[in-house]
Amino acid sequence: MPFKDSSRVHMHAPASTTLQLGQRVIRKDSPEGGTVVETTATQIKVKWDRGRTSYYRRGAEGNVLAAPAME
């Protein structure tokens, strides 16, 4: 049985695995942006620019992606 390092983040891992406090994010299905305003070991909280709030479970697939870096 091959060794599997679960602490290593893989390219196919959901965005919720690596999002950090203060990080800008976007929705997968629209250009709406938001900011990660709270993080715990099990969930993240995103405050969207239009005023809504969303919660995502860490490691779960969600409707959120890390925003591309601004140039």
PDB file of N, CA and C in Angstrom:
ATOM      1  N   MET A   1       0.847  -1.179   0.000  1.00  0.00           N
ATOM      2  CA  MET A   1       0.000   0.000   0.000  1.00  0.00           C
ATOM      3  C   MET A   1       0.891   1.240   0.000  1.00  0.00           C
ATOM      4  N   PRO A   2       0.714   2.156  -0.956  1.00  0.00           N
ATOM      5  CA  PRO A   2       1.568   3.342  -1.033  1.00  0.00           C
ATOM      6  C   PRO A   2       1.275   4.310   0.107  1.00  0.00           C
ATOM      7  N   PHE A   3       2.307   5.051   0.511  1.00  0.00           N
ATOM      8  CA  PHE A   3       2.172   6.066   1.554  1.00  0.00           C
ATOM      9  C   PHE A   3       1.376   7.241   1.015  1.00  0.00           C
ATOM     10  N   LYS A   4       0.425   7.724   1.796  1.00  0.00           N
ATOM     11  CA  LYS A   4      -0.386   8.857   1.372  1.00  0.00           C
ATOM     12  C   LYS A   4      -0.262   9.964   2.407  1.00  0.00           C
ATOM     13  N   ASP A   5       0.283  11.104   2.008  1.00  0.00           N
ATOM     14  CA  ASP A   5       0.466  12.231   2.908  1.00  0.00           C
ATOM     15  C   ASP A   5      -0.769  13.120   2.834  1.00  0.00           C
ATOM     16  N   SER A   6      -1.668  13.023   3.812  1.00  0.00           N
ATOM     17  CA  SER A   6      -2.910  13.788   3.790  1.00  0.00           C
ATOM     18  C   SER A   6      -2.700  15.258   4.095  1.00  0.00           C
ATOM     19  N   SER A   7      -1.542  15.649   4.629  1.00  0.00           N
ATOM     20  CA  SER A   7      -1.293  17.046   4.938  1.00  0.00           C
ATOM     21  C   SER A   7      -0.855  17.836   3.707  1.00  0.00           C
ATOM     22  N   ARG A   8      -0.520  17.147   2.657  1.00  0.00           N
ATOM     23  CA  ARG A   8      -0.067  17.802   1.435  1.00  0.00           C
ATOM     24  C   ARG A   8      -1.277  18.206   0.595  1.00  0.00           C
ATOM     25  N   VAL A   9      -1.310  19.471   0.130  1.00  0.00           N
ATOM     26  CA  VAL A   9      -2.406  19.971  -0.690  1.00  0.00           C
ATOM     27  C   VAL A   9      -2.116  19.624  -2.144  1.00  0.00           C
ATOM     28  N   HIS A  10      -3.053  18.976  -2.791  1.00  0.00           N
ATOM     29  CA  HIS A  10      -2.900  18.570  -4.184  1.00  0.00           C
ATOM     30  C   HIS A  10      -3.594  19.570  -5.098  1.00  0.00           C
ATOM     31  N   MET A  11      -3.198  19.618  -6.339  1.00  0.00           N
ATOM     32  CA  MET A  11      -3.759  20.559  -7.297  1.00  0.00           C
ATOM     33  C   MET A  11      -5.266  20.390  -7.460  1.00  0.00           C
ATOM     34  N   HIS A  12      -5.787  19.192  -7.250  1.00  0.00           N
ATOM     35  CA  HIS A  12      -7.220  18.967  -7.428  1.00  0.00           C
ATOM     36  C   HIS A  12      -8.009  19.176  -6.136  1.00  0.00           C
ATOM     37  N   ALA A  13      -7.349  19.643  -5.085  1.00  0.00           N
ATOM     38  CA  ALA A  13      -8.017  19.867  -3.804  1.00  0.00           C
ATOM     39  C   ALA A  13      -8.957  21.072  -3.924  1.00  0.00           C
ATOM     40  N   PRO A  14     -10.101  21.039  -3.238  1.00  0.00           N
ATOM     41  CA  PRO A  14     -11.024  22.180  -3.266  1.00  0.00           C
ATOM     42  C   PRO A  14     -10.363  23.438  -2.700  1.00  0.00           C
ATOM     43  N   ALA A  15     -10.805  24.603  -3.179  1.00  0.00           N
ATOM     44  CA  ALA A  15     -10.243  25.870  -2.715  1.00  0.00           C
ATOM     45  C   ALA A  15     -10.391  26.036  -1.208  1.00  0.00           C
ATOM     46  N   SER A  16     -11.449  25.476  -0.643  1.00  0.00           N
ATOM     47  CA  SER A  16     -11.690  25.648   0.795  1.00  0.00           C
ATOM     48  C   SER A  16     -10.596  25.022   1.655  1.00  0.00           C
ATOM     49  N   THR A  17      -9.755  24.206   1.059  1.00  0.00           N
ATOM     50  CA  THR A  17      -8.659  23.564   1.792  1.00  0.00           C
ATOM     51  C   THR A  17      -7.568  24.568   2.147  1.00  0.00           C
ATOM     52  N   THR A  18      -7.338  25.553   1.280  1.00  0.00           N
ATOM     53  CA  THR A  18      -6.192  26.448   1.448  1.00  0.00           C
ATOM     54  C   THR A  18      -6.534  27.910   1.710  1.00  0.00           C
ATOM     55  N   LEU A  19      -7.793  28.286   1.708  1.00  0.00           N
ATOM     56  CA  LEU A  19      -8.151  29.697   1.898  1.00  0.00           C
ATOM     57  C   LEU A  19      -7.748  30.192   3.281  1.00  0.00           C
ATOM     58  N   GLN A  20      -7.270  31.427   3.326  1.00  0.00           N
ATOM     59  CA  GLN A  20      -6.757  32.027   4.556  1.00  0.00           C
ATOM     60  C   GLN A  20      -7.519  33.317   4.880  1.00  0.00           C
ATOM     61  N   LEU A  21      -7.475  33.727   6.129  1.00  0.00           N
ATOM     62  CA  LEU A  21      -8.100  34.951   6.602  1.00  0.00           C
ATOM     63  C   LEU A  21      -7.616  36.147   5.791  1.00  0.00           C
ATOM     64  N   GLY A  22      -8.545  36.970   5.316  1.00  0.00           N
ATOM     65  CA  GLY A  22      -8.209  38.158   4.538  1.00  0.00           C
ATOM     66  C   GLY A  22      -8.038  37.929   3.051  1.00  0.00           C
ATOM     67  N   GLN A  23      -8.059  36.688   2.609  1.00  0.00           N
ATOM     68  CA  GLN A  23      -7.850  36.362   1.197  1.00  0.00           C
ATOM     69  C   GLN A  23      -9.071  36.733   0.373  1.00  0.00           C
ATOM     70  N   ARG A  24      -8.833  37.280  -0.818  1.00  0.00           N
ATOM     71  CA  ARG A  24      -9.917  37.598  -1.748  1.00  0.00           C
ATOM     72  C   ARG A  24     -10.323  36.324  -2.485  1.00  0.00           C
ATOM     73  N   VAL A  25     -11.627  36.170  -2.725  1.00  0.00           N
ATOM     74  CA  VAL A  25     -12.181  35.009  -3.413  1.00  0.00           C
ATOM     75  C   VAL A  25     -13.217  35.464  -4.416  1.00  0.00           C
ATOM     76  N   ILE A  26     -13.572  34.567  -5.332  1.00  0.00           N
ATOM     77  CA  ILE A  26     -14.657  34.801  -6.290  1.00  0.00           C
ATOM     78  C   ILE A  26     -15.558  33.574  -6.298  1.00  0.00           C
ATOM     79  N   ARG A  27     -16.797  33.774  -6.755  1.00  0.00           N
ATOM     80  CA  ARG A  27     -17.716  32.652  -6.920  1.00  0.00           C
ATOM     81  C   ARG A  27     -17.354  31.918  -8.201  1.00  0.00           C
ATOM     82  N   LYS A  28     -17.567  30.600  -8.225  1.00  0.00           N
ATOM     83  CA  LYS A  28     -17.275  29.804  -9.425  1.00  0.00           C
ATOM     84  C   LYS A  28     -18.184  30.184 -10.584  1.00  0.00           C
ATOM     85  N   ASP A  29     -19.447  30.526 -10.273  1.00  0.00           N
ATOM     86  CA  ASP A  29     -20.434  30.730 -11.327  1.00  0.00           C
ATOM     87  C   ASP A  29     -20.749  32.193 -11.625  1.00  0.00           C
ATOM     88  N   SER A  30     -19.999  33.146 -11.047  1.00  0.00           N
ATOM     89  CA  SER A  30     -20.204  34.563 -11.331  1.00  0.00           C
ATOM     90  C   SER A  30     -18.932  35.322 -10.977  1.00  0.00           C
ATOM     91  N   PRO A  31     -18.818  36.564 -11.447  1.00  0.00           N
ATOM     92  CA  PRO A  31     -17.617  37.345 -11.141  1.00  0.00           C
ATOM     93  C   PRO A  31     -17.650  38.023  -9.771  1.00  0.00           C
ATOM     94  N   GLU A  32     -18.694  37.761  -8.959  1.00  0.00           N
ATOM     95  CA  GLU A  32     -18.795  38.411  -7.651  1.00  0.00           C
ATOM     96  C   GLU A  32     -17.607  38.044  -6.772  1.00  0.00           C
ATOM     97  N   GLY A  33     -17.046  39.051  -6.107  1.00  0.00           N
ATOM     98  CA  GLY A  33     -15.910  38.836  -5.231  1.00  0.00           C
ATOM     99  C   GLY A  33     -16.289  38.954  -3.773  1.00  0.00           C
ATOM    100  N   GLY A  34     -15.388  38.480  -2.922  1.00  0.00           N
ATOM    101  CA  GLY A  34     -15.592  38.566  -1.490  1.00  0.00           C
ATOM    102  C   GLY A  34     -14.279  38.386  -0.767  1.00  0.00           C
ATOM    103  N   THR A  35     -14.351  38.414   0.559  1.00  0.00           N
ATOM    104  CA  THR A  35     -13.167  38.292   1.403  1.00  0.00           C
ATOM    105  C   THR A  35     -13.415  37.265   2.494  1.00  0.00           C
ATOM    106  N   VAL A  36     -12.416  36.422   2.754  1.00  0.00           N
ATOM    107  CA  VAL A  36     -12.505  35.476   3.859  1.00  0.00           C
ATOM    108  C   VAL A  36     -12.373  36.295   5.143  1.00  0.00           C
ATOM    109  N   VAL A  37     -13.422  36.286   5.991  1.00  0.00           N
ATOM    110  CA  VAL A  37     -13.430  37.106   7.199  1.00  0.00           C
ATOM    111  C   VAL A  37     -13.272  36.308   8.481  1.00  0.00           C
ATOM    112  N   GLU A  38     -13.401  34.989   8.394  1.00  0.00           N
ATOM    113  CA  GLU A  38     -13.243  34.150   9.580  1.00  0.00           C
ATOM    114  C   GLU A  38     -12.848  32.754   9.136  1.00  0.00           C
ATOM    115  N   THR A  39     -11.920  32.135   9.879  1.00  0.00           N
ATOM    116  CA  THR A  39     -11.504  30.764   9.567  1.00  0.00           C
ATOM    117  C   THR A  39     -11.380  29.958  10.849  1.00  0.00           C
ATOM    118  N   THR A  40     -11.718  28.686  10.753  1.00  0.00           N
ATOM    119  CA  THR A  40     -11.469  27.724  11.825  1.00  0.00           C
ATOM    120  C   THR A  40     -10.883  26.490  11.163  1.00  0.00           C
ATOM    121  N   ALA A  41     -10.593  25.488  11.942  1.00  0.00           N
ATOM    122  CA  ALA A  41     -10.066  24.245  11.388  1.00  0.00           C
ATOM    123  C   ALA A  41     -11.104  23.520  10.540  1.00  0.00           C
ATOM    124  N   THR A  42     -12.397  23.815  10.747  1.00  0.00           N
ATOM    125  CA  THR A  42     -13.446  23.077  10.050  1.00  0.00           C
ATOM    126  C   THR A  42     -14.260  23.901   9.062  1.00  0.00           C
ATOM    127  N   GLN A  43     -14.202  25.235   9.125  1.00  0.00           N
ATOM    128  CA  GLN A  43     -14.985  26.030   8.180  1.00  0.00           C
ATOM    129  C   GLN A  43     -14.364  27.390   7.918  1.00  0.00           C
ATOM    130  N   ILE A  44     -14.830  28.020   6.821  1.00  0.00           N
ATOM    131  CA  ILE A  44     -14.446  29.388   6.503  1.00  0.00           C
ATOM    132  C   ILE A  44     -15.713  30.208   6.312  1.00  0.00           C
ATOM    133  N   LYS A  45     -15.615  31.499   6.573  1.00  0.00           N
ATOM    134  CA  LYS A  45     -16.735  32.426   6.410  1.00  0.00           C
ATOM    135  C   LYS A  45     -16.305  33.484   5.408  1.00  0.00           C
ATOM    136  N   VAL A  46     -17.143  33.689   4.370  1.00  0.00           N
ATOM    137  CA  VAL A  46     -16.845  34.665   3.331  1.00  0.00           C
ATOM    138  C   VAL A  46     -17.903  35.757   3.358  1.00  0.00           C
ATOM    139  N   LYS A  47     -17.454  37.012   3.384  1.00  0.00           N
ATOM    140  CA  LYS A  47     -18.345  38.166   3.270  1.00  0.00           C
ATOM    141  C   LYS A  47     -18.228  38.657   1.834  1.00  0.00           C
ATOM    142  N   TRP A  48     -19.340  38.565   1.096  1.00  0.00           N
ATOM    143  CA  TRP A  48     -19.352  38.946  -0.312  1.00  0.00           C
ATOM    144  C   TRP A  48     -19.487  40.455  -0.447  1.00  0.00           C
ATOM    145  N   ASP A  49     -18.987  41.010  -1.540  1.00  0.00           N
ATOM    146  CA  ASP A  49     -18.989  42.453  -1.770  1.00  0.00           C
ATOM    147  C   ASP A  49     -20.413  43.029  -1.793  1.00  0.00           C
ATOM    148  N   ARG A  50     -21.389  42.238  -2.160  1.00  0.00           N
ATOM    149  CA  ARG A  50     -22.777  42.707  -2.216  1.00  0.00           C
ATOM    150  C   ARG A  50     -23.502  42.550  -0.882  1.00  0.00           C
ATOM    151  N   GLY A  51     -22.780  42.141   0.180  1.00  0.00           N
ATOM    152  CA  GLY A  51     -23.352  42.113   1.511  1.00  0.00           C
ATOM    153  C   GLY A  51     -23.751  40.756   2.058  1.00  0.00           C
ATOM    154  N   ARG A  52     -23.806  39.736   1.243  1.00  0.00           N
ATOM    155  CA  ARG A  52     -24.174  38.401   1.716  1.00  0.00           C
ATOM    156  C   ARG A  52     -23.006  37.738   2.428  1.00  0.00           C
ATOM    157  N   THR A  53     -23.314  36.708   3.204  1.00  0.00           N
ATOM    158  CA  THR A  53     -22.301  35.928   3.902  1.00  0.00           C
ATOM    159  C   THR A  53     -22.494  34.458   3.562  1.00  0.00           C
ATOM    160  N   SER A  54     -21.401  33.750   3.315  1.00  0.00           N
ATOM    161  CA  SER A  54     -21.445  32.313   3.024  1.00  0.00           C
ATOM    162  C   SER A  54     -20.472  31.588   3.943  1.00  0.00           C
ATOM    163  N   TYR A  55     -20.817  30.348   4.262  1.00  0.00           N
ATOM    164  CA  TYR A  55     -19.965  29.480   5.079  1.00  0.00           C
ATOM    165  C   TYR A  55     -19.609  28.256   4.250  1.00  0.00           C
ATOM    166  N   TYR A  56     -18.353  27.831   4.327  1.00  0.00           N
ATOM    167  CA  TYR A  56     -17.878  26.663   3.599  1.00  0.00           C
ATOM    168  C   TYR A  56     -17.148  25.739   4.550  1.00  0.00           C
ATOM    169  N   ARG A  57     -17.377  24.451   4.411  1.00  0.00           N
ATOM    170  CA  ARG A  57     -16.670  23.451   5.207  1.00  0.00           C
ATOM    171  C   ARG A  57     -15.283  23.253   4.617  1.00  0.00           C
ATOM    172  N   ARG A  58     -14.264  23.239   5.458  1.00  0.00           N
ATOM    173  CA  ARG A  58     -12.896  23.025   4.992  1.00  0.00           C
ATOM    174  C   ARG A  58     -12.787  21.699   4.252  1.00  0.00           C
ATOM    175  N   GLY A  59     -12.141  21.725   3.101  1.00  0.00           N
ATOM    176  CA  GLY A  59     -11.906  20.523   2.328  1.00  0.00           C
ATOM    177  C   GLY A  59     -13.070  20.082   1.466  1.00  0.00           C
ATOM    178  N   ALA A  60     -14.231  20.716   1.610  1.00  0.00           N
ATOM    179  CA  ALA A  60     -15.401  20.352   0.807  1.00  0.00           C
ATOM    180  C   ALA A  60     -15.438  21.198  -0.461  1.00  0.00           C
ATOM    181  N   GLU A  61     -15.983  20.630  -1.503  1.00  0.00           N
ATOM    182  CA  GLU A  61     -16.169  21.356  -2.752  1.00  0.00           C
ATOM    183  C   GLU A  61     -17.226  22.427  -2.507  1.00  0.00           C
ATOM    184  N   GLY A  62     -16.985  23.627  -2.921  1.00  0.00           N
ATOM    185  CA  GLY A  62     -17.931  24.716  -2.717  1.00  0.00           C
ATOM    186  C   GLY A  62     -17.949  25.637  -3.911  1.00  0.00           C
ATOM    187  N   ASN A  63     -18.779  26.651  -3.854  1.00  0.00           N
ATOM    188  CA  ASN A  63     -18.925  27.615  -4.952  1.00  0.00           C
ATOM    189  C   ASN A  63     -17.962  28.777  -4.766  1.00  0.00           C
ATOM    190  N   VAL A  64     -16.710  28.489  -4.468  1.00  0.00           N
ATOM    191  CA  VAL A  64     -15.738  29.549  -4.206  1.00  0.00           C
ATOM    192  C   VAL A  64     -14.359  29.148  -4.739  1.00  0.00           C
ATOM    193  N   LEU A  65     -13.656  30.149  -5.263  1.00  0.00           N
ATOM    194  CA  LEU A  65     -12.292  29.975  -5.759  1.00  0.00           C
ATOM    195  C   LEU A  65     -11.431  31.123  -5.255  1.00  0.00           C
ATOM    196  N   ALA A  66     -10.164  30.886  -5.076  1.00  0.00           N
ATOM    197  CA  ALA A  66      -9.242  31.975  -4.751  1.00  0.00           C
ATOM    198  C   ALA A  66      -9.230  32.950  -5.924  1.00  0.00           C
ATOM    199  N   ALA A  67      -9.294  34.241  -5.634  1.00  0.00           N
ATOM    200  CA  ALA A  67      -9.293  35.260  -6.690  1.00  0.00           C
ATOM    201  C   ALA A  67      -7.925  35.305  -7.350  1.00  0.00           C
ATOM    202  N   PRO A  68      -7.903  35.547  -8.657  1.00  0.00           N
ATOM    203  CA  PRO A  68      -6.602  35.662  -9.336  1.00  0.00           C
ATOM    204  C   PRO A  68      -5.860  36.892  -8.802  1.00  0.00           C
ATOM    205  N   ALA A  69      -4.551  36.828  -8.792  1.00  0.00           N
ATOM    206  CA  ALA A  69      -3.718  37.934  -8.309  1.00  0.00           C
ATOM    207  C   ALA A  69      -3.890  39.148  -9.209  1.00  0.00           C
ATOM    208  N   MET A  70      -3.970  40.308  -8.592  1.00  0.00           N
ATOM    209  CA  MET A  70      -4.078  41.566  -9.350  1.00  0.00           C
ATOM    210  C   MET A  70      -2.680  41.969  -9.803  1.00  0.00           C
ATOM    211  N   GLU A  71      -2.582  42.441 -11.027  1.00  0.00           N
ATOM    212  CA  GLU A  71      -1.279  42.879 -11.555  1.00  0.00           C
ATOM    213  C   GLU A  71      -1.163  44.368 -11.506  1.00  0.00           C
TER     214      GLU A  71
END
